[in-house]
Amino acid sequence: WLRFADKRPVEVTADVALGGLSTRLAPELPVLSMRLLQGRLSAKHSGAGYEVVGDHLAMELQTGVALPPTQFALKWRPGGASGAEQGELQVDALALRPLALLGGYLPLPQDLHEFLADAAPEGSISGLRFTWQGPLQNPQHYSARGHFVRLGMRAYAGLPGFSGISGNIDGNETGGSVSLNASNAQVDLPQVFAGTPPHFDTFTAQLAWSHVHGDLQLKLSNIACANADLAGTAFGSYVTASDGPGMIDLTVRLNRADARHVARYIPFLDKDAFDWLDGALLAGSSNDLSLRLKGNLKDFPFQSEKEGTFQIAGRVTDGRLRYAPGWPTIDGIDANLQAGTFLLRRTFTIPNIAFKLIDAKADSLTFLVREGLRREEIAALI
């Protein structure tokens, strides 16, 4: 049905149940062929703005892509003499994977087309409210609030890849917060962790962000995670920098850890250090392990305590180490270990260590580290 004002149609509402429908929403887009379109659609023109509402709107394409029934309301006012562009989107529930597959048929900005195709977002969002002022591609002001379930995407344009993440978000252009509660989740941070992307049976965290003088500041708190390799907690902060990877202050404490896979979880290891740890640590476990990393990451690995702190400490039992291919293994390692900044010293001793090398046993071990190590040589030792 239609509503008129001043002899013009200003509002239209339709209950639709259509099959075999085809349309092209823009000349440069492919034909959108729908096997089914049903629900209620309404559109309204009011003053300088527009409003589109969908009620239990469902769609199925000829390709088999199906968009489950959803409710949404979009208000939009184009920019002009009366003011800047502004809009508001509210969504009751929305499945992201079919929407991403549908995105190629919609008249969206090119960068959003690329994001949907390459990042392939999945999961669902509900209770979403998003407002903006200014061009949608680069708004001067915006706010977003909503709940997400089993959210995921591939790594894209510096953004991490992840899957299985649930939680809530509330933020705007100045800052905001995210609470996470995930199970069977995976995080892909190739710029932080080498090797296979970590998988977590459980993962919870609180994250807050803010923008200060052009830099992004992140505060991480109440992080707890567990999987087959480890279980523990973490907290810290991170600040981006225009001249490097940024500043970090991170503390990690593990109450369970498998030495065989510890390299996967040590941040910012170069390939040589990762390969050595991954191949040398053959066995061992710890129920008390900590990691401390603080400083400017462009200086990592740190060559002095003034530059920063990098320390791994803990109790290791039943350890087994092969220093290099073809070397005999060091077995039965039972020791309190510290690694990281000790490499800057001339000597380092592990007291009360027990291990067996061939037929020899020892109860103390001293390392001699020559002076003048270059930064890349220290990285290879860590």
Protein backbone atom coordinates (compact mmCIF):
# COMPACT_ATOMS: atom_id res chain seq x y z
CA TRP A 1 0.00 0.00 0.00
CA LEU A 2 0.97 3.61 -0.60
CA ARG A 3 0.73 6.85 1.36
CA PHE A 4 0.66 10.17 -0.45
CA ALA A 5 1.45 13.73 0.61
CA ASP A 6 1.04 16.73 -1.67
CA LYS A 7 -0.03 14.29 -4.39
CA ARG A 8 3.30 12.46 -4.16
CA PRO A 9 3.99 8.94 -2.83
CA VAL A 10 6.03 9.35 0.36
CA GLU A 11 5.70 5.88 1.85
CA VAL A 12 5.27 2.39 0.45
CA THR A 13 4.78 -0.89 2.32
CA ALA A 14 4.61 -4.32 0.73
CA ASP A 15 4.18 -7.85 1.98
CA VAL A 16 6.13 -9.87 -0.57
CA ALA A 17 6.38 -13.56 -1.42
CA LEU A 18 8.18 -13.71 -4.74
CA GLY A 19 9.94 -16.50 -6.60
CA GLY A 20 12.14 -16.53 -9.68
CA LEU A 21 12.97 -12.84 -9.35
CA SER A 22 16.00 -11.29 -11.08
CA THR A 23 17.32 -7.76 -10.86
CA ARG A 24 20.51 -5.73 -11.25
CA LEU A 25 21.00 -3.13 -8.52
CA ALA A 26 23.68 -1.15 -10.39
CA PRO A 27 24.96 -1.24 -13.99
CA GLU A 28 28.40 -2.55 -12.96
CA LEU A 29 27.03 -5.34 -10.72
CA PRO A 30 26.08 -8.93 -11.66
CA VAL A 31 22.43 -9.96 -11.96
CA LEU A 32 20.88 -10.89 -8.61
CA SER A 33 18.74 -13.99 -9.24
CA MET A 34 16.52 -14.89 -6.30
CA ARG A 35 14.78 -18.19 -5.82
CA LEU A 36 12.71 -16.65 -3.01
CA LEU A 37 12.09 -13.24 -1.45
CA GLN A 38 9.53 -12.93 1.30
CA GLY A 39 8.65 -10.69 4.23
CA ARG A 40 7.57 -7.09 4.67
CA LEU A 41 9.44 -4.16 3.14
CA SER A 42 8.65 -0.49 3.63
CA ALA A 43 10.31 2.66 2.41
CA LYS A 44 9.60 6.23 3.45
CA HIS A 45 10.77 9.67 2.34
CA SER A 46 10.54 12.28 5.07
CA GLY A 47 11.95 15.76 4.65
CA ALA A 48 15.57 15.44 3.52
CA GLY A 49 15.93 11.82 4.64
CA TYR A 50 14.93 8.28 3.81
CA GLU A 51 13.97 5.24 5.85
CA VAL A 52 13.90 1.57 4.83
CA VAL A 53 12.50 -1.13 7.13
CA GLY A 54 12.52 -4.90 6.72
CA ASP A 55 10.31 -7.15 8.86
CA HIS A 56 11.04 -10.89 8.87
CA LEU A 57 12.68 -10.44 5.49
CA ALA A 58 14.20 -13.64 4.06
CA MET A 59 15.99 -14.30 0.81
CA GLU A 60 17.37 -17.30 -1.07
CA LEU A 61 19.48 -16.93 -4.20
CA GLN A 62 19.54 -19.31 -7.14
CA THR A 63 23.10 -20.15 -6.07
CA GLY A 64 21.76 -21.59 -2.81
CA VAL A 65 22.88 -18.72 -0.57
CA ALA A 66 20.13 -18.11 1.98
CA LEU A 67 19.64 -15.09 4.23
CA PRO A 68 17.60 -16.14 7.29
CA PRO A 69 14.62 -13.97 8.33
CA THR A 70 15.80 -10.70 9.82
CA GLN A 71 14.45 -7.36 10.98
CA PHE A 72 16.25 -4.11 10.25
CA ALA A 73 15.68 -0.38 10.03
CA LEU A 74 17.90 2.02 8.09
CA LYS A 75 17.62 5.81 8.29
CA TRP A 76 19.77 7.93 5.99
CA ARG A 77 20.05 11.60 5.21
CA PRO A 78 22.42 12.55 2.39
CA GLY A 79 24.82 15.41 2.90
CA GLY A 80 24.15 18.80 1.41
CA ALA A 81 23.45 22.40 2.24
CA SER A 82 21.36 21.33 5.22
CA GLY A 83 24.24 19.47 6.86
CA ALA A 84 26.57 16.48 6.72
CA GLU A 85 25.48 12.99 5.76
CA GLN A 86 24.17 10.96 8.67
CA GLY A 87 22.50 7.63 9.24
CA GLU A 88 21.39 4.97 11.66
CA LEU A 89 21.18 1.20 11.22
CA GLN A 90 19.43 -1.13 13.64
CA VAL A 91 19.45 -4.89 13.14
CA ASP A 92 17.59 -7.40 15.28
CA ALA A 93 19.61 -10.42 14.07
CA LEU A 94 21.84 -10.96 11.08
CA ALA A 95 23.93 -13.89 9.78
CA LEU A 96 27.20 -12.56 8.35
CA ARG A 97 28.28 -15.39 6.05
CA PRO A 98 25.30 -15.22 3.67
CA LEU A 99 25.44 -11.42 3.82
CA ALA A 100 29.11 -11.53 2.78
CA LEU A 101 28.24 -13.81 -0.15
CA LEU A 102 25.38 -11.49 -1.07
CA GLY A 103 27.64 -8.44 -0.91
CA GLY A 104 28.90 -8.89 -4.47
CA TYR A 105 25.41 -8.09 -5.76
CA LEU A 106 24.88 -4.96 -3.65
CA PRO A 107 25.87 -1.35 -4.49
CA LEU A 108 28.45 -0.99 -1.72
CA PRO A 109 31.71 1.01 -1.59
CA GLN A 110 34.59 -0.77 -3.32
CA ASP A 111 36.63 -1.16 -0.14
CA LEU A 112 33.65 -2.84 1.55
CA HIS A 113 33.26 -5.20 -1.44
CA GLU A 114 36.93 -6.15 -1.08
CA PHE A 115 36.60 -6.68 2.67
CA LEU A 116 33.57 -8.97 2.33
CA ALA A 117 35.24 -11.01 -0.43
CA ASP A 118 38.71 -11.33 1.13
CA ALA A 119 37.98 -11.37 4.88
CA ALA A 120 34.89 -13.63 4.50
CA PRO A 121 33.24 -12.65 7.82
CA GLU A 122 31.07 -15.27 9.51
CA GLY A 123 28.96 -15.67 12.63
CA SER A 124 25.94 -13.62 13.65
CA ILE A 125 25.20 -10.28 15.26
CA SER A 126 22.13 -9.16 17.19
CA GLY A 127 20.90 -6.03 18.91
CA LEU A 128 23.09 -3.96 16.57
CA ARG A 129 22.79 -0.18 16.53
CA PHE A 130 25.20 1.79 14.36
CA THR A 131 25.05 5.55 13.81
CA TRP A 132 27.31 7.81 11.79
CA GLN A 133 27.81 11.43 10.76
CA GLY A 134 29.80 12.26 7.66
CA PRO A 135 30.64 10.01 4.68
CA LEU A 136 30.07 6.35 5.58
CA GLN A 137 33.54 5.41 4.30
CA ASN A 138 35.18 7.90 6.70
CA PRO A 139 32.67 9.30 9.21
CA GLN A 140 33.59 12.15 11.53
CA HIS A 141 31.48 10.63 14.30
CA TYR A 142 30.10 7.13 14.78
CA SER A 143 28.89 4.76 17.47
CA ALA A 144 28.34 1.00 17.46
CA ARG A 145 26.79 -1.33 19.98
CA GLY A 146 25.77 -4.97 19.68
CA HIS A 147 26.19 -8.63 20.55
CA PHE A 148 28.02 -11.16 18.36
CA VAL A 149 28.12 -14.96 18.35
CA ARG A 150 30.78 -17.25 16.78
CA LEU A 151 32.27 -14.27 14.96
CA GLY A 152 35.12 -14.94 12.55
CA MET A 153 37.09 -13.62 9.58
CA ARG A 154 40.29 -14.25 7.65
CA ALA A 155 43.32 -12.03 8.31
CA TYR A 156 42.88 -8.91 6.18
CA ALA A 157 44.84 -5.67 5.68
CA GLY A 158 46.71 -5.91 8.98
CA LEU A 159 43.66 -7.09 10.91
CA PRO A 160 43.99 -10.45 12.67
CA GLY A 161 42.07 -13.50 11.57
CA PHE A 162 39.93 -15.28 14.14
CA SER A 163 36.99 -17.65 14.56
CA GLY A 164 34.55 -18.74 17.25
CA ILE A 165 34.54 -15.40 19.10
CA SER A 166 31.41 -14.30 21.00
CA GLY A 167 30.81 -11.20 23.10
CA ASN A 168 29.64 -7.59 23.16
CA ILE A 169 30.95 -4.34 21.70
CA ASP A 170 30.22 -0.71 22.59
CA GLY A 171 32.31 2.06 21.08
CA ASN A 172 32.63 5.26 19.10
CA GLU A 173 35.31 7.31 17.31
CA THR A 174 37.06 8.17 20.60
CA GLY A 175 37.14 4.69 22.15
CA GLY A 176 35.14 1.80 23.45
CA SER A 177 35.23 -1.68 24.92
CA VAL A 178 34.78 -5.31 23.91
CA SER A 179 34.07 -8.26 26.16
CA LEU A 180 34.92 -11.69 24.74
CA ASN A 181 33.71 -15.14 25.70
CA ALA A 182 34.73 -17.84 23.26
CA SER A 183 34.91 -21.60 22.97
CA ASN A 184 36.68 -23.62 20.29
CA ALA A 185 38.22 -20.39 19.02
CA GLN A 186 41.25 -19.64 16.86
CA VAL A 187 43.31 -16.46 16.55
CA ASP A 188 45.60 -15.74 13.59
CA LEU A 189 48.16 -13.04 14.44
CA PRO A 190 51.05 -13.70 12.02
CA GLN A 191 52.75 -10.42 12.98
CA VAL A 192 52.80 -11.49 16.65
CA PHE A 193 52.92 -15.29 16.81
CA ALA A 194 54.92 -17.52 14.46
CA GLY A 195 53.83 -21.02 13.51
CA THR A 196 50.35 -22.51 13.52
CA PRO A 197 47.62 -20.04 14.64
CA PRO A 198 46.78 -20.74 18.29
CA HIS A 199 43.54 -22.60 18.99
CA PHE A 200 41.75 -22.23 22.34
CA ASP A 201 39.14 -24.45 23.96
CA THR A 202 38.08 -21.47 26.09
CA PHE A 203 39.01 -17.79 25.88
CA THR A 204 37.67 -14.80 27.83
CA ALA A 205 38.92 -11.22 27.86
CA GLN A 206 38.09 -7.56 28.37
CA LEU A 207 39.51 -5.08 25.86
CA ALA A 208 39.25 -1.30 25.93
CA TRP A 209 40.57 1.08 23.30
CA SER A 210 41.01 4.81 22.90
CA HIS A 211 42.53 7.23 20.40
CA VAL A 212 45.03 9.69 21.84
CA HIS A 213 47.02 12.10 19.62
CA GLY A 214 46.51 9.86 16.60
CA ASP A 215 47.70 6.67 18.32
CA LEU A 216 45.53 3.70 19.23
CA GLN A 217 45.79 2.62 22.88
CA LEU A 218 44.63 -0.84 23.91
CA LYS A 219 44.13 -2.09 27.45
CA LEU A 220 43.83 -5.85 27.95
CA SER A 221 42.43 -7.21 31.20
CA ASN A 222 40.89 -10.35 32.67
CA ILE A 223 42.31 -12.54 29.90
CA ALA A 224 41.97 -16.25 30.61
CA CYS A 225 42.52 -19.07 28.15
CA ALA A 226 42.98 -22.84 28.01
CA ASN A 227 43.76 -25.46 25.40
CA ALA A 228 45.71 -28.70 25.10
CA ASP A 229 49.05 -26.82 25.38
CA LEU A 230 48.45 -24.40 28.24
CA ALA A 231 46.11 -22.70 30.69
CA GLY A 232 46.60 -19.30 32.27
CA THR A 233 45.86 -15.60 32.51
CA ALA A 234 47.22 -12.36 31.07
CA PHE A 235 46.87 -8.59 31.22
CA GLY A 236 48.62 -5.60 29.70
CA SER A 237 48.51 -2.65 27.33
CA TYR A 238 49.62 -1.72 23.83
CA VAL A 239 50.04 1.63 22.05
CA THR A 240 50.61 2.01 18.31
CA ALA A 241 53.38 4.24 17.00
CA SER A 242 53.91 5.94 13.65
CA ASP A 243 57.61 5.06 13.59
CA GLY A 244 57.42 1.37 14.47
CA PRO A 245 55.36 -1.53 15.78
CA GLY A 246 54.50 0.29 19.03
CA MET A 247 54.88 0.05 22.81
CA ILE A 248 53.83 -3.00 24.81
CA ASP A 249 53.48 -3.90 28.47
CA LEU A 250 52.37 -7.54 28.79
CA THR A 251 52.31 -10.01 31.68
CA VAL A 252 51.37 -13.67 31.20
CA ARG A 253 51.08 -16.33 33.91
CA LEU A 254 50.51 -20.00 33.09
CA ASN A 255 49.50 -22.70 35.58
CA ARG A 256 49.86 -25.42 32.96
CA ALA A 257 52.18 -25.52 29.96
CA ASP A 258 53.55 -28.15 27.58
CA ALA A 259 57.16 -27.27 26.66
CA ARG A 260 56.89 -28.91 23.23
CA HIS A 261 54.66 -26.13 21.90
CA VAL A 262 55.79 -23.14 23.95
CA ALA A 263 57.25 -21.39 20.87
CA ARG A 264 53.76 -20.93 19.44
CA TYR A 265 52.84 -18.57 22.27
CA ILE A 266 55.96 -16.40 22.68
CA PRO A 267 55.24 -13.10 20.89
CA PHE A 268 57.52 -11.49 18.31
CA LEU A 269 59.95 -14.39 17.84
CA ASP A 270 61.81 -14.29 14.56
CA LYS A 271 61.82 -17.40 12.35
CA ASP A 272 65.23 -18.69 13.50
CA ALA A 273 64.33 -18.43 17.18
CA PHE A 274 60.94 -20.06 16.59
CA ASP A 275 62.43 -22.92 14.56
CA TRP A 276 65.07 -23.60 17.22
CA LEU A 277 62.61 -23.66 20.13
CA ASP A 278 60.09 -25.70 18.18
CA GLY A 279 62.69 -28.31 17.30
CA ALA A 280 64.81 -28.32 20.45
CA LEU A 281 62.13 -28.65 23.15
CA LEU A 282 61.17 -32.32 22.91
CA ALA A 283 59.36 -32.75 26.25
CA GLY A 284 58.65 -31.06 29.54
CA SER A 285 55.88 -29.43 31.50
CA SER A 286 55.38 -26.58 33.92
CA ASN A 287 52.69 -25.56 36.37
CA ASP A 288 54.32 -22.20 37.10
CA LEU A 289 55.48 -20.20 34.09
CA SER A 290 55.47 -16.45 33.50
CA LEU A 291 56.32 -14.08 30.66
CA ARG A 292 57.04 -10.36 30.96
CA LEU A 293 57.44 -8.12 27.91
CA LYS A 294 57.70 -4.34 28.23
CA GLY A 295 59.20 -1.72 25.97
CA ASN A 296 59.32 -0.30 22.47
CA LEU A 297 58.96 -3.22 20.06
CA LYS A 298 61.18 -1.59 17.45
CA ASP A 299 64.07 -2.22 19.88
CA PHE A 300 63.21 -5.88 20.46
CA PRO A 301 65.17 -7.98 21.31
CA PHE A 302 66.33 -5.47 23.91
CA GLN A 303 70.09 -5.01 24.32
CA SER A 304 69.88 -3.25 27.68
CA GLU A 305 67.47 -3.06 30.57
CA LYS A 306 66.93 0.61 29.73
CA GLU A 307 65.46 -0.40 26.36
CA GLY A 308 62.97 -2.84 27.80
CA THR A 309 62.22 -6.08 29.62
CA PHE A 310 61.80 -9.54 28.17
CA GLN A 311 61.76 -12.40 30.65
CA ILE A 312 60.45 -15.94 30.79
CA ALA A 313 60.60 -17.64 34.18
CA GLY A 314 59.21 -20.84 35.61
CA ARG A 315 59.66 -24.34 36.90
CA VAL A 316 60.18 -27.08 34.28
CA THR A 317 59.96 -30.80 35.04
CA ASP A 318 60.65 -33.91 32.97
CA GLY A 319 62.23 -31.78 30.27
CA ARG A 320 64.04 -33.07 27.22
CA LEU A 321 66.20 -30.89 24.97
CA ARG A 322 68.12 -31.46 21.74
CA TYR A 323 70.34 -28.44 21.18
CA ALA A 324 71.04 -29.18 17.51
CA PRO A 325 70.31 -31.93 14.98
CA GLY A 326 72.62 -34.89 15.53
CA TRP A 327 73.45 -33.88 19.11
CA PRO A 328 72.60 -36.18 22.01
CA THR A 329 69.49 -35.20 23.95
CA ILE A 330 69.58 -33.73 27.45
CA ASP A 331 67.03 -35.74 29.42
CA GLY A 332 65.25 -35.51 32.75
CA ILE A 333 65.57 -31.73 33.01
CA ASP A 334 64.14 -30.47 36.29
CA ALA A 335 64.94 -26.80 36.92
CA ASN A 336 63.91 -23.25 37.68
CA LEU A 337 64.52 -21.34 34.47
CA GLN A 338 64.85 -17.71 33.47
CA ALA A 339 65.34 -16.59 29.90
CA GLY A 340 65.47 -13.27 28.12
CA THR A 341 67.42 -10.39 29.60
CA PHE A 342 70.01 -12.77 31.12
CA LEU A 343 71.53 -12.99 27.63
CA LEU A 344 72.90 -9.49 28.15
CA ARG A 345 75.12 -10.70 30.99
CA ARG A 346 78.49 -12.38 30.72
CA THR A 347 77.46 -15.48 32.65
CA PHE A 348 74.22 -17.07 33.71
CA THR A 349 73.73 -19.93 36.15
CA ILE A 350 70.74 -22.21 36.70
CA PRO A 351 71.08 -23.58 40.25
CA ASN A 352 69.42 -26.75 41.45
CA ILE A 353 69.06 -28.18 37.97
CA ALA A 354 68.90 -31.91 37.40
CA PHE A 355 69.44 -33.48 33.98
CA LYS A 356 71.21 -36.33 32.24
CA LEU A 357 73.40 -36.06 29.13
CA ILE A 358 74.43 -39.50 27.86
CA ASP A 359 75.89 -40.98 31.08
CA ALA A 360 76.70 -37.65 32.77
CA LYS A 361 74.54 -35.95 35.38
CA ALA A 362 74.64 -32.40 36.76
CA ASP A 363 73.01 -30.33 39.45
CA SER A 364 74.05 -26.87 38.22
CA LEU A 365 74.51 -25.31 34.81
CA THR A 366 76.37 -22.15 33.77
CA PHE A 367 76.12 -20.42 30.37
CA LEU A 368 78.88 -18.18 29.04
CA VAL A 369 77.66 -15.52 26.63
CA ARG A 370 80.26 -13.56 24.74
CA GLU A 371 80.05 -9.79 24.77
CA GLY A 372 79.15 -7.70 21.75
CA LEU A 373 76.31 -9.85 20.45
CA ARG A 374 74.41 -8.14 17.67
CA ARG A 375 70.66 -7.73 18.04
CA GLU A 376 69.93 -10.46 15.48
CA GLU A 377 72.25 -12.86 17.31
CA ILE A 378 70.41 -12.23 20.57
CA ALA A 379 67.13 -12.90 18.77
CA ALA A 380 68.48 -16.25 17.63
CA LEU A 381 69.36 -17.19 21.21
CA ILE A 382 66.04 -16.22 22.83
